[in-house]
Amino acid sequence: MLGRTYPTQLGKVCGLTTTTITRIERGEIALTDKIQTALAEALGISGEQVNRAYLKAKRRPPGTPA
């Protein structure tokens, strides 16, 4: 499923709203184990890769592009 990067498409596959996907991408809300697993499966990557990307987004200074 790699390549499903648009929030709407990814959200549908994971059972999450577009808003939730976008807020996770920005590091604005917590990444739960359940969401991490769903994202990893949908993207065809490991949960650890999802977690690293999330932490990178969360630590990004405000106003910095993704």
N, C-alpha and C. Protein backbone atom coordinates (compact mmCIF):
# COMPACT_ATOMS: atom_id res chain seq x y z
N MET A 1 0.80 -1.20 0.00
CA MET A 1 0.00 0.00 0.00
C MET A 1 0.84 1.26 0.00
N LEU A 2 2.13 1.12 -0.05
CA LEU A 2 3.00 2.28 -0.08
C LEU A 2 2.58 3.21 -1.19
N GLY A 3 2.57 4.48 -0.93
CA GLY A 3 2.13 5.44 -1.91
C GLY A 3 0.81 6.09 -1.52
N ARG A 4 0.12 5.53 -0.54
CA ARG A 4 -1.13 6.14 -0.06
C ARG A 4 -0.76 7.23 0.94
N THR A 5 -0.40 8.38 0.41
CA THR A 5 0.06 9.44 1.28
C THR A 5 -0.95 10.56 1.47
N TYR A 6 -1.97 10.61 0.67
CA TYR A 6 -2.97 11.64 0.84
C TYR A 6 -3.81 11.31 2.06
N PRO A 7 -4.03 12.33 2.93
CA PRO A 7 -4.77 12.07 4.16
C PRO A 7 -6.12 11.40 3.97
N THR A 8 -6.87 11.77 2.94
CA THR A 8 -8.19 11.18 2.73
C THR A 8 -8.08 9.70 2.41
N GLN A 9 -7.18 9.35 1.49
CA GLN A 9 -7.00 7.94 1.12
C GLN A 9 -6.47 7.13 2.30
N LEU A 10 -5.46 7.66 2.95
CA LEU A 10 -4.86 6.95 4.07
C LEU A 10 -5.87 6.79 5.20
N GLY A 11 -6.62 7.83 5.47
CA GLY A 11 -7.64 7.76 6.51
C GLY A 11 -8.67 6.69 6.25
N LYS A 12 -9.11 6.57 5.00
CA LYS A 12 -10.09 5.54 4.66
C LYS A 12 -9.54 4.14 4.91
N VAL A 13 -8.29 3.93 4.54
CA VAL A 13 -7.67 2.62 4.72
C VAL A 13 -7.50 2.30 6.21
N CYS A 14 -7.18 3.32 6.99
CA CYS A 14 -6.92 3.12 8.42
C CYS A 14 -8.15 3.27 9.30
N GLY A 15 -9.25 3.75 8.71
CA GLY A 15 -10.44 3.99 9.51
C GLY A 15 -10.34 5.24 10.36
N LEU A 16 -9.58 6.24 9.88
CA LEU A 16 -9.40 7.49 10.60
C LEU A 16 -9.90 8.65 9.74
N THR A 17 -10.24 9.74 10.40
CA THR A 17 -10.67 10.91 9.65
C THR A 17 -9.47 11.61 9.02
N THR A 18 -9.74 12.41 8.01
CA THR A 18 -8.69 13.20 7.37
C THR A 18 -8.06 14.15 8.40
N THR A 19 -8.88 14.71 9.25
CA THR A 19 -8.38 15.62 10.29
C THR A 19 -7.40 14.91 11.22
N THR A 20 -7.73 13.70 11.61
CA THR A 20 -6.84 12.94 12.49
C THR A 20 -5.52 12.66 11.80
N ILE A 21 -5.55 12.23 10.56
CA ILE A 21 -4.32 11.96 9.81
C ILE A 21 -3.46 13.22 9.74
N THR A 22 -4.08 14.34 9.39
CA THR A 22 -3.35 15.60 9.26
C THR A 22 -2.75 16.02 10.59
N ARG A 23 -3.48 15.86 11.67
CA ARG A 23 -2.96 16.25 12.99
C ARG A 23 -1.84 15.33 13.44
N ILE A 24 -1.89 14.07 13.08
CA ILE A 24 -0.79 13.15 13.38
C ILE A 24 0.45 13.56 12.59
N GLU A 25 0.25 13.87 11.31
CA GLU A 25 1.37 14.31 10.46
C GLU A 25 2.06 15.55 11.01
N ARG A 26 1.29 16.40 11.66
CA ARG A 26 1.84 17.63 12.25
C ARG A 26 2.36 17.43 13.67
N GLY A 27 2.13 16.23 14.23
CA GLY A 27 2.56 15.96 15.60
C GLY A 27 1.70 16.66 16.64
N GLU A 28 0.46 16.97 16.28
CA GLU A 28 -0.43 17.70 17.17
C GLU A 28 -1.20 16.81 18.14
N ILE A 29 -1.35 15.54 17.80
CA ILE A 29 -2.05 14.62 18.70
C ILE A 29 -1.19 13.38 18.91
N ALA A 30 -1.50 12.66 19.95
CA ALA A 30 -0.72 11.48 20.31
C ALA A 30 -0.88 10.36 19.29
N LEU A 31 0.20 9.66 19.07
CA LEU A 31 0.20 8.48 18.20
C LEU A 31 0.01 7.26 19.09
N THR A 32 -1.18 6.69 19.07
CA THR A 32 -1.45 5.50 19.90
C THR A 32 -0.90 4.27 19.20
N ASP A 33 -0.77 3.19 19.95
CA ASP A 33 -0.30 1.93 19.37
C ASP A 33 -1.24 1.46 18.26
N LYS A 34 -2.53 1.63 18.48
CA LYS A 34 -3.53 1.20 17.50
C LYS A 34 -3.38 1.99 16.19
N ILE A 35 -3.22 3.29 16.30
CA ILE A 35 -3.05 4.13 15.10
C ILE A 35 -1.72 3.82 14.43
N GLN A 36 -0.69 3.66 15.22
CA GLN A 36 0.64 3.34 14.67
C GLN A 36 0.59 2.05 13.86
N THR A 37 -0.05 1.04 14.39
CA THR A 37 -0.17 -0.23 13.69
C THR A 37 -0.97 -0.09 12.41
N ALA A 38 -2.09 0.64 12.48
CA ALA A 38 -2.92 0.83 11.28
C ALA A 38 -2.16 1.57 10.19
N LEU A 39 -1.43 2.61 10.56
CA LEU A 39 -0.64 3.37 9.59
C LEU A 39 0.47 2.51 8.98
N ALA A 40 1.16 1.76 9.82
CA ALA A 40 2.24 0.90 9.34
C ALA A 40 1.72 -0.12 8.33
N GLU A 41 0.61 -0.75 8.65
CA GLU A 41 0.03 -1.74 7.74
C GLU A 41 -0.41 -1.10 6.43
N ALA A 42 -1.05 0.05 6.52
CA ALA A 42 -1.55 0.73 5.32
C ALA A 42 -0.40 1.20 4.42
N LEU A 43 0.69 1.64 5.04
CA LEU A 43 1.81 2.17 4.27
C LEU A 43 2.84 1.10 3.89
N GLY A 44 2.71 -0.07 4.48
CA GLY A 44 3.65 -1.15 4.18
C GLY A 44 5.02 -0.91 4.78
N ILE A 45 5.05 -0.28 5.96
CA ILE A 45 6.31 -0.02 6.66
C ILE A 45 6.18 -0.51 8.09
N SER A 46 7.27 -0.46 8.83
CA SER A 46 7.23 -0.94 10.21
C SER A 46 6.62 0.11 11.13
N GLY A 47 6.14 -0.36 12.26
CA GLY A 47 5.62 0.55 13.27
C GLY A 47 6.70 1.48 13.76
N GLU A 48 7.93 0.99 13.82
CA GLU A 48 9.06 1.83 14.25
C GLU A 48 9.28 2.98 13.27
N GLN A 49 9.13 2.72 11.98
CA GLN A 49 9.28 3.79 10.98
C GLN A 49 8.18 4.85 11.15
N VAL A 50 6.99 4.40 11.43
CA VAL A 50 5.88 5.33 11.66
C VAL A 50 6.20 6.18 12.89
N ASN A 51 6.66 5.54 13.95
CA ASN A 51 6.97 6.24 15.19
C ASN A 51 8.09 7.26 14.98
N ARG A 52 9.13 6.88 14.25
CA ARG A 52 10.24 7.82 14.00
C ARG A 52 9.75 9.05 13.23
N ALA A 53 8.92 8.83 12.21
CA ALA A 53 8.38 9.94 11.43
C ALA A 53 7.50 10.84 12.30
N TYR A 54 6.72 10.22 13.15
CA TYR A 54 5.85 10.99 14.05
C TYR A 54 6.69 11.85 15.01
N LEU A 55 7.71 11.25 15.60
CA LEU A 55 8.56 12.00 16.54
C LEU A 55 9.28 13.14 15.84
N LYS A 56 9.70 12.90 14.62
CA LYS A 56 10.36 13.96 13.84
C LYS A 56 9.39 15.12 13.63
N ALA A 57 8.16 14.81 13.28
CA ALA A 57 7.15 15.85 13.08
C ALA A 57 6.84 16.58 14.38
N LYS A 58 6.76 15.84 15.45
CA LYS A 58 6.43 16.41 16.75
C LYS A 58 7.53 17.36 17.24
N ARG A 59 8.77 17.06 16.92
CA ARG A 59 9.90 17.87 17.37
C ARG A 59 10.24 19.03 16.43
N ARG A 60 9.58 19.07 15.29
CA ARG A 60 9.86 20.11 14.30
C ARG A 60 9.44 21.46 14.88
N PRO A 61 10.31 22.48 14.73
CA PRO A 61 9.95 23.81 15.26
C PRO A 61 8.70 24.36 14.57
N PRO A 62 7.89 25.12 15.29
CA PRO A 62 6.67 25.69 14.70
C PRO A 62 7.01 26.50 13.44
N GLY A 63 6.17 26.35 12.45
CA GLY A 63 6.35 27.08 11.20
C GLY A 63 7.29 26.43 10.21
N THR A 64 7.96 25.36 10.62
CA THR A 64 8.88 24.64 9.73
C THR A 64 8.07 23.73 8.81
N PRO A 65 8.30 23.80 7.49
CA PRO A 65 7.55 22.91 6.58
C PRO A 65 7.87 21.44 6.84
N ALA A 66 6.92 20.61 6.54
CA ALA A 66 7.06 19.17 6.76
C ALA A 66 8.08 18.53 5.89
